Structures are given as C-alpha cells and as structure tokens.
PDB file of N, CA and C in Angstrom:
ATOM      1  N   UNK A   1      64.666   8.810 -71.939  1.00  0.00           N
ATOM      2  CA  UNK A   1      63.993   9.638 -70.980  1.00  0.00           C
ATOM      3  C   UNK A   1      62.767   8.931 -70.381  1.00  0.00           C
ATOM      4  N   UNK A   2      62.149   8.082 -71.137  1.00  0.00           N
ATOM      5  CA  UNK A   2      60.956   7.402 -70.663  1.00  0.00           C
ATOM      6  C   UNK A   2      61.241   6.541 -69.443  1.00  0.00           C
ATOM      7  N   UNK A   3      62.367   5.860 -69.427  1.00  0.00           N
ATOM      8  CA  UNK A   3      62.751   5.021 -68.294  1.00  0.00           C
ATOM      9  C   UNK A   3      62.987   5.888 -67.065  1.00  0.00           C
ATOM     10  N   UNK A   4      63.616   7.038 -67.233  1.00  0.00           N
ATOM     11  CA  UNK A   4      63.883   7.939 -66.110  1.00  0.00           C
ATOM     12  C   UNK A   4      62.573   8.487 -65.554  1.00  0.00           C
ATOM     13  N   UNK A   5      61.652   8.848 -66.449  1.00  0.00           N
ATOM     14  CA  UNK A   5      60.351   9.345 -65.995  1.00  0.00           C
ATOM     15  C   UNK A   5      59.579   8.252 -65.260  1.00  0.00           C
ATOM     16  N   UNK A   6      59.656   7.045 -65.742  1.00  0.00           N
ATOM     17  CA  UNK A   6      58.981   5.920 -65.111  1.00  0.00           C
ATOM     18  C   UNK A   6      59.547   5.667 -63.721  1.00  0.00           C
ATOM     19  N   UNK A   7      60.868   5.719 -63.591  1.00  0.00           N
ATOM     20  CA  UNK A   7      61.518   5.514 -62.299  1.00  0.00           C
ATOM     21  C   UNK A   7      61.130   6.620 -61.329  1.00  0.00           C
ATOM     22  N   UNK A   8      61.082   7.847 -61.831  1.00  0.00           N
ATOM     23  CA  UNK A   8      60.697   8.977 -60.987  1.00  0.00           C
ATOM     24  C   UNK A   8      59.251   8.839 -60.525  1.00  0.00           C
ATOM     25  N   UNK A   9      58.385   8.391 -61.429  1.00  0.00           N
ATOM     26  CA  UNK A   9      56.978   8.184 -61.089  1.00  0.00           C
ATOM     27  C   UNK A   9      56.838   7.094 -60.037  1.00  0.00           C
ATOM     28  N   UNK A  10      57.589   6.003 -60.211  1.00  0.00           N
ATOM     29  CA  UNK A  10      57.545   4.910 -59.231  1.00  0.00           C
ATOM     30  C   UNK A  10      58.036   5.389 -57.868  1.00  0.00           C
ATOM     31  N   UNK A  11      59.088   6.209 -57.880  1.00  0.00           N
ATOM     32  CA  UNK A  11      59.620   6.726 -56.627  1.00  0.00           C
ATOM     33  C   UNK A  11      58.593   7.632 -55.945  1.00  0.00           C
ATOM     34  N   UNK A  12      57.930   8.460 -56.738  1.00  0.00           N
ATOM     35  CA  UNK A  12      56.897   9.335 -56.193  1.00  0.00           C
ATOM     36  C   UNK A  12      55.746   8.521 -55.612  1.00  0.00           C
ATOM     37  N   UNK A  13      55.331   7.475 -56.319  1.00  0.00           N
ATOM     38  CA  UNK A  13      54.258   6.596 -55.843  1.00  0.00           C
ATOM     39  C   UNK A  13      54.700   5.899 -54.561  1.00  0.00           C
ATOM     40  N   UNK A  14      55.957   5.416 -54.536  1.00  0.00           N
ATOM     41  CA  UNK A  14      56.486   4.760 -53.339  1.00  0.00           C
ATOM     42  C   UNK A  14      56.465   5.707 -52.146  1.00  0.00           C
ATOM     43  N   UNK A  15      56.867   6.948 -52.356  1.00  0.00           N
ATOM     44  CA  UNK A  15      56.869   7.936 -51.278  1.00  0.00           C
ATOM     45  C   UNK A  15      55.439   8.230 -50.813  1.00  0.00           C
ATOM     46  N   UNK A  16      54.530   8.322 -51.753  1.00  0.00           N
ATOM     47  CA  UNK A  16      53.133   8.584 -51.398  1.00  0.00           C
ATOM     48  C   UNK A  16      52.563   7.427 -50.589  1.00  0.00           C
ATOM     49  N   UNK A  17      52.852   6.203 -50.992  1.00  0.00           N
ATOM     50  CA  UNK A  17      52.371   5.039 -50.252  1.00  0.00           C
ATOM     51  C   UNK A  17      53.001   4.969 -48.861  1.00  0.00           C
ATOM     52  N   UNK A  18      54.289   5.258 -48.800  1.00  0.00           N
ATOM     53  CA  UNK A  18      54.977   5.266 -47.511  1.00  0.00           C
ATOM     54  C   UNK A  18      54.379   6.326 -46.596  1.00  0.00           C
ATOM     55  N   UNK A  19      54.108   7.507 -47.136  1.00  0.00           N
ATOM     56  CA  UNK A  19      53.505   8.583 -46.349  1.00  0.00           C
ATOM     57  C   UNK A  19      52.123   8.167 -45.853  1.00  0.00           C
ATOM     58  N   UNK A  20      51.324   7.567 -46.717  1.00  0.00           N
ATOM     59  CA  UNK A  20      49.976   7.131 -46.311  1.00  0.00           C
ATOM     60  C   UNK A  20      50.055   6.060 -45.233  1.00  0.00           C
ATOM     61  N   UNK A  21      50.997   5.140 -45.375  1.00  0.00           N
ATOM     62  CA  UNK A  21      51.179   4.097 -44.370  1.00  0.00           C
ATOM     63  C   UNK A  21      51.570   4.718 -43.032  1.00  0.00           C
ATOM     64  N   UNK A  22      52.499   5.661 -43.064  1.00  0.00           N
ATOM     65  CA  UNK A  22      52.943   6.335 -41.847  1.00  0.00           C
ATOM     66  C   UNK A  22      51.790   7.114 -41.217  1.00  0.00           C
ATOM     67  N   UNK A  23      51.029   7.822 -42.038  1.00  0.00           N
ATOM     68  CA  UNK A  23      49.896   8.596 -41.533  1.00  0.00           C
ATOM     69  C   UNK A  23      48.853   7.679 -40.897  1.00  0.00           C
ATOM     70  N   UNK A  24      48.602   6.536 -41.511  1.00  0.00           N
ATOM     71  CA  UNK A  24      47.653   5.574 -40.945  1.00  0.00           C
ATOM     72  C   UNK A  24      48.177   5.024 -39.625  1.00  0.00           C
ATOM     73  N   UNK A  25      49.475   4.779 -39.555  1.00  0.00           N
ATOM     74  CA  UNK A  25      50.094   4.287 -38.316  1.00  0.00           C
ATOM     75  C   UNK A  25      49.943   5.326 -37.197  1.00  0.00           C
ATOM     76  N   UNK A  26      50.216   6.564 -37.497  1.00  0.00           N
ATOM     77  CA  UNK A  26      50.088   7.645 -36.514  1.00  0.00           C
ATOM     78  C   UNK A  26      48.634   7.783 -36.070  1.00  0.00           C
ATOM     79  N   UNK A  27      47.703   7.729 -37.010  1.00  0.00           N
ATOM     80  CA  UNK A  27      46.281   7.833 -36.677  1.00  0.00           C
ATOM     81  C   UNK A  27      45.851   6.681 -35.769  1.00  0.00           C
ATOM     82  N   UNK A  28      46.350   5.486 -36.044  1.00  0.00           N
ATOM     83  CA  UNK A  28      46.027   4.329 -35.213  1.00  0.00           C
ATOM     84  C   UNK A  28      46.566   4.519 -33.800  1.00  0.00           C
ATOM     85  N   UNK A  29      47.780   5.021 -33.677  1.00  0.00           N
ATOM     86  CA  UNK A  29      48.354   5.282 -32.361  1.00  0.00           C
ATOM     87  C   UNK A  29      47.540   6.333 -31.605  1.00  0.00           C
ATOM     88  N   UNK A  30      47.117   7.370 -32.309  1.00  0.00           N
ATOM     89  CA  UNK A  30      46.322   8.427 -31.677  1.00  0.00           C
ATOM     90  C   UNK A  30      44.973   7.883 -31.208  1.00  0.00           C
ATOM     91  N   UNK A  31      44.367   7.022 -32.024  1.00  0.00           N
ATOM     92  CA  UNK A  31      43.092   6.423 -31.625  1.00  0.00           C
ATOM     93  C   UNK A  31      43.271   5.527 -30.413  1.00  0.00           C
ATOM     94  N   UNK A  32      44.353   4.772 -30.375  1.00  0.00           N
ATOM     95  CA  UNK A  32      44.633   3.896 -29.233  1.00  0.00           C
ATOM     96  C   UNK A  32      44.821   4.732 -27.969  1.00  0.00           C
ATOM     97  N   UNK A  33      45.572   5.819 -28.092  1.00  0.00           N
ATOM     98  CA  UNK A  33      45.796   6.708 -26.947  1.00  0.00           C
ATOM     99  C   UNK A  33      44.474   7.310 -26.482  1.00  0.00           C
ATOM    100  N   UNK A  34      43.657   7.746 -27.408  1.00  0.00           N
ATOM    101  CA  UNK A  34      42.361   8.314 -27.045  1.00  0.00           C
ATOM    102  C   UNK A  34      41.482   7.265 -26.370  1.00  0.00           C
ATOM    103  N   UNK A  35      41.489   6.048 -26.879  1.00  0.00           N
ATOM    104  CA  UNK A  35      40.701   4.976 -26.271  1.00  0.00           C
ATOM    105  C   UNK A  35      41.188   4.680 -24.857  1.00  0.00           C
ATOM    106  N   UNK A  36      42.491   4.662 -24.673  1.00  0.00           N
ATOM    107  CA  UNK A  36      43.055   4.441 -23.338  1.00  0.00           C
ATOM    108  C   UNK A  36      42.621   5.547 -22.378  1.00  0.00           C
ATOM    109  N   UNK A  37      42.606   6.769 -22.863  1.00  0.00           N
ATOM    110  CA  UNK A  37      42.194   7.895 -22.022  1.00  0.00           C
ATOM    111  C   UNK A  37      40.710   7.798 -21.665  1.00  0.00           C
ATOM    112  N   UNK A  38      39.889   7.327 -22.592  1.00  0.00           N
ATOM    113  CA  UNK A  38      38.464   7.137 -22.311  1.00  0.00           C
ATOM    114  C   UNK A  38      38.285   6.070 -21.231  1.00  0.00           C
ATOM    115  N   UNK A  39      39.046   4.993 -21.329  1.00  0.00           N
ATOM    116  CA  UNK A  39      38.966   3.925 -20.315  1.00  0.00           C
ATOM    117  C   UNK A  39      39.342   4.473 -18.952  1.00  0.00           C
ATOM    118  N   UNK A  40      40.420   5.238 -18.880  1.00  0.00           N
ATOM    119  CA  UNK A  40      40.840   5.832 -17.608  1.00  0.00           C
ATOM    120  C   UNK A  40      39.753   6.747 -17.062  1.00  0.00           C
ATOM    121  N   UNK A  41      39.187   7.572 -17.921  1.00  0.00           N
ATOM    122  CA  UNK A  41      38.128   8.490 -17.492  1.00  0.00           C
ATOM    123  C   UNK A  41      36.898   7.733 -16.997  1.00  0.00           C
ATOM    124  N   UNK A  42      36.533   6.678 -17.694  1.00  0.00           N
ATOM    125  CA  UNK A  42      35.361   5.900 -17.279  1.00  0.00           C
ATOM    126  C   UNK A  42      35.608   5.214 -15.935  1.00  0.00           C
ATOM    127  N   UNK A  43      36.828   4.752 -15.695  1.00  0.00           N
ATOM    128  CA  UNK A  43      37.161   4.159 -14.388  1.00  0.00           C
ATOM    129  C   UNK A  43      37.055   5.210 -13.289  1.00  0.00           C
ATOM    130  N   UNK A  44      37.517   6.420 -13.584  1.00  0.00           N
ATOM    131  CA  UNK A  44      37.419   7.500 -12.602  1.00  0.00           C
ATOM    132  C   UNK A  44      35.959   7.846 -12.322  1.00  0.00           C
ATOM    133  N   UNK A  45      35.138   7.886 -13.356  1.00  0.00           N
ATOM    134  CA  UNK A  45      33.706   8.152 -13.181  1.00  0.00           C
ATOM    135  C   UNK A  45      33.074   7.062 -12.323  1.00  0.00           C
ATOM    136  N   UNK A  46      33.428   5.808 -12.587  1.00  0.00           N
ATOM    137  CA  UNK A  46      32.892   4.702 -11.795  1.00  0.00           C
ATOM    138  C   UNK A  46      33.314   4.826 -10.337  1.00  0.00           C
ATOM    139  N   UNK A  47      34.557   5.212 -10.109  1.00  0.00           N
ATOM    140  CA  UNK A  47      35.057   5.360  -8.746  1.00  0.00           C
ATOM    141  C   UNK A  47      34.317   6.487  -8.020  1.00  0.00           C
ATOM    142  N   UNK A  48      34.151   7.613  -8.683  1.00  0.00           N
ATOM    143  CA  UNK A  48      33.439   8.739  -8.071  1.00  0.00           C
ATOM    144  C   UNK A  48      31.975   8.361  -7.827  1.00  0.00           C
ATOM    145  N   UNK A  49      31.372   7.642  -8.747  1.00  0.00           N
ATOM    146  CA  UNK A  49      29.990   7.197  -8.564  1.00  0.00           C
ATOM    147  C   UNK A  49      29.871   6.274  -7.359  1.00  0.00           C
ATOM    148  N   UNK A  50      30.840   5.377  -7.190  1.00  0.00           N
ATOM    149  CA  UNK A  50      30.846   4.482  -6.032  1.00  0.00           C
ATOM    150  C   UNK A  50      30.991   5.275  -4.738  1.00  0.00           C
ATOM    151  N   UNK A  51      31.856   6.269  -4.742  1.00  0.00           N
ATOM    152  CA  UNK A  51      32.031   7.115  -3.557  1.00  0.00           C
ATOM    153  C   UNK A  51      30.747   7.867  -3.238  1.00  0.00           C
ATOM    154  N   UNK A  52      30.057   8.354  -4.266  1.00  0.00           N
ATOM    155  CA  UNK A  52      28.791   9.060  -4.052  1.00  0.00           C
ATOM    156  C   UNK A  52      27.738   8.109  -3.493  1.00  0.00           C
ATOM    157  N   UNK A  53      27.689   6.891  -3.994  1.00  0.00           N
ATOM    158  CA  UNK A  53      26.738   5.900  -3.492  1.00  0.00           C
ATOM    159  C   UNK A  53      27.041   5.566  -2.033  1.00  0.00           C
ATOM    160  N   UNK A  54      28.315   5.401  -1.701  1.00  0.00           N
ATOM    161  CA  UNK A  54      28.705   5.134  -0.312  1.00  0.00           C
ATOM    162  C   UNK A  54      28.291   6.290   0.593  1.00  0.00           C
ATOM    163  N   UNK A  55      28.544   7.504   0.154  1.00  0.00           N
ATOM    164  CA  UNK A  55      28.161   8.678   0.939  1.00  0.00           C
ATOM    165  C   UNK A  55      26.653   8.748   1.113  1.00  0.00           C
ATOM    166  N   UNK A  56      25.907   8.416   0.075  1.00  0.00           N
ATOM    167  CA  UNK A  56      24.444   8.426   0.166  1.00  0.00           C
ATOM    168  C   UNK A  56      23.949   7.415   1.192  1.00  0.00           C
ATOM    169  N   UNK A  57      24.564   6.232   1.225  1.00  0.00           N
ATOM    170  CA  UNK A  57      24.184   5.227   2.223  1.00  0.00           C
ATOM    171  C   UNK A  57      24.473   5.721   3.642  1.00  0.00           C
ATOM    172  N   UNK A  58      25.616   6.362   3.821  1.00  0.00           N
ATOM    173  CA  UNK A  58      25.961   6.902   5.144  1.00  0.00           C
ATOM    174  C   UNK A  58      24.991   8.003   5.554  1.00  0.00           C
ATOM    175  N   UNK A  59      24.636   8.853   4.621  1.00  0.00           N
ATOM    176  CA  UNK A  59      23.667   9.917   4.908  1.00  0.00           C
ATOM    177  C   UNK A  59      22.318   9.309   5.283  1.00  0.00           C
ATOM    178  N   UNK A  60      21.878   8.302   4.538  1.00  0.00           N
ATOM    179  CA  UNK A  60      20.601   7.649   4.840  1.00  0.00           C
ATOM    180  C   UNK A  60      20.636   7.026   6.230  1.00  0.00           C
ATOM    181  N   UNK A  61      21.753   6.404   6.595  1.00  0.00           N
ATOM    182  CA  UNK A  61      21.882   5.815   7.930  1.00  0.00           C
ATOM    183  C   UNK A  61      21.844   6.900   9.000  1.00  0.00           C
ATOM    184  N   UNK A  62      22.494   8.013   8.755  1.00  0.00           N
ATOM    185  CA  UNK A  62      22.487   9.126   9.711  1.00  0.00           C
ATOM    186  C   UNK A  62      21.084   9.694   9.873  1.00  0.00           C
ATOM    187  N   UNK A  63      20.368   9.834   8.778  1.00  0.00           N
ATOM    188  CA  UNK A  63      18.981  10.332   8.837  1.00  0.00           C
ATOM    189  C   UNK A  63      18.118   9.385   9.649  1.00  0.00           C
ATOM    190  N   UNK A  64      18.292   8.095   9.411  1.00  0.00           N
ATOM    191  CA  UNK A  64      17.529   7.101  10.162  1.00  0.00           C
ATOM    192  C   UNK A  64      17.823   7.221  11.658  1.00  0.00           C
ATOM    193  N   UNK A  65      19.085   7.351  12.007  1.00  0.00           N
ATOM    194  CA  UNK A  65      19.477   7.493  13.417  1.00  0.00           C
ATOM    195  C   UNK A  65      18.931   8.787  14.017  1.00  0.00           C
ATOM    196  N   UNK A  66      19.033   9.879  13.276  1.00  0.00           N
ATOM    197  CA  UNK A  66      18.498  11.153  13.768  1.00  0.00           C
ATOM    198  C   UNK A  66      16.987  11.087  13.943  1.00  0.00           C
ATOM    199  N   UNK A  67      16.317  10.441  13.029  1.00  0.00           N
ATOM    200  CA  UNK A  67      14.864  10.276  13.143  1.00  0.00           C
ATOM    201  C   UNK A  67      14.525   9.462  14.385  1.00  0.00           C
ATOM    202  N   UNK A  68      15.272   8.391  14.633  1.00  0.00           N
ATOM    203  CA  UNK A  68      15.051   7.562  15.814  1.00  0.00           C
ATOM    204  C   UNK A  68      15.268   8.380  17.089  1.00  0.00           C
ATOM    205  N   UNK A  69      16.335   9.179  17.090  1.00  0.00           N
ATOM    206  CA  UNK A  69      16.598  10.025  18.260  1.00  0.00           C
ATOM    207  C   UNK A  69      15.506  11.066  18.461  1.00  0.00           C
ATOM    208  N   UNK A  70      15.055  11.687  17.378  1.00  0.00           N
ATOM    209  CA  UNK A  70      13.993  12.678  17.458  1.00  0.00           C
ATOM    210  C   UNK A  70      12.705  12.057  17.962  1.00  0.00           C
ATOM    211  N   UNK A  71      12.387  10.858  17.484  1.00  0.00           N
ATOM    212  CA  UNK A  71      11.179  10.162  17.951  1.00  0.00           C
ATOM    213  C   UNK A  71      11.277   9.829  19.441  1.00  0.00           C
ATOM    214  N   UNK A  72      12.443   9.464  19.890  1.00  0.00           N
ATOM    215  CA  UNK A  72      12.589   9.124  21.315  1.00  0.00           C
ATOM    216  C   UNK A  72      12.455  10.371  22.189  1.00  0.00           C
ATOM    217  N   UNK A  73      12.808  11.541  21.660  1.00  0.00           N
ATOM    218  CA  UNK A  73      12.676  12.788  22.426  1.00  0.00           C
ATOM    219  C   UNK A  73      11.231  13.278  22.462  1.00  0.00           C
ATOM    220  N   UNK A  74      10.478  13.073  21.410  1.00  0.00           N
ATOM    221  CA  UNK A  74       9.111  13.587  21.347  1.00  0.00           C
ATOM    222  C   UNK A  74       8.119  12.679  22.028  1.00  0.00           C
ATOM    223  N   UNK A  75       8.452  11.434  22.256  1.00  0.00           N
ATOM    224  CA  UNK A  75       7.541  10.496  22.878  1.00  0.00           C
ATOM    225  C   UNK A  75       7.376  10.824  24.355  1.00  0.00           C
ATOM    226  N   UNK A  76       8.353  11.317  24.993  1.00  0.00           N
ATOM    227  CA  UNK A  76       8.303  11.598  26.441  1.00  0.00           C
ATOM    228  C   UNK A  76       7.440  12.724  26.765  1.00  0.00           C
TER     229      UNK A  76
END
C-alpha cells in the first residue's frame, strides 16, 4: 500500500505543479494583454493631446488675426 500511496501523492503533486504552471501562464498572458491595452490607450491620449495642441495653435492664430482686424477698425 505504501507504494500506491506514494504514487498517488506524486500524481497529486504533479497535478498541483501543472495547475500552478498553467495559472502562471494565464496570469502572464493577462498581464501582457493589459500592458498592450495600456500602450494603446497612451497612444490615443497622445493623439488627442496633439489634436488639442493643434487646435490651440489655430485658436491663437485666429485671435491674433481678429485682434489685428479690430485694431485696424479702431484706428480710423
């Protein structure tokens, strides 16, 4: 009986190790997916920030032009 119990214990240990290995593999995949999603989100944030900066420059140029036009009207 001792040999059978030993074999059963080894099988249980093997299954536990296999389960832990699989769980670690799944966790690694989930972390990789999450990291990829963070990269995508950060690229989107950078793109939106660039668009906001471009819009701000256009607004500043428009204000400058409007100010120039207003000054030309008030000088007369």
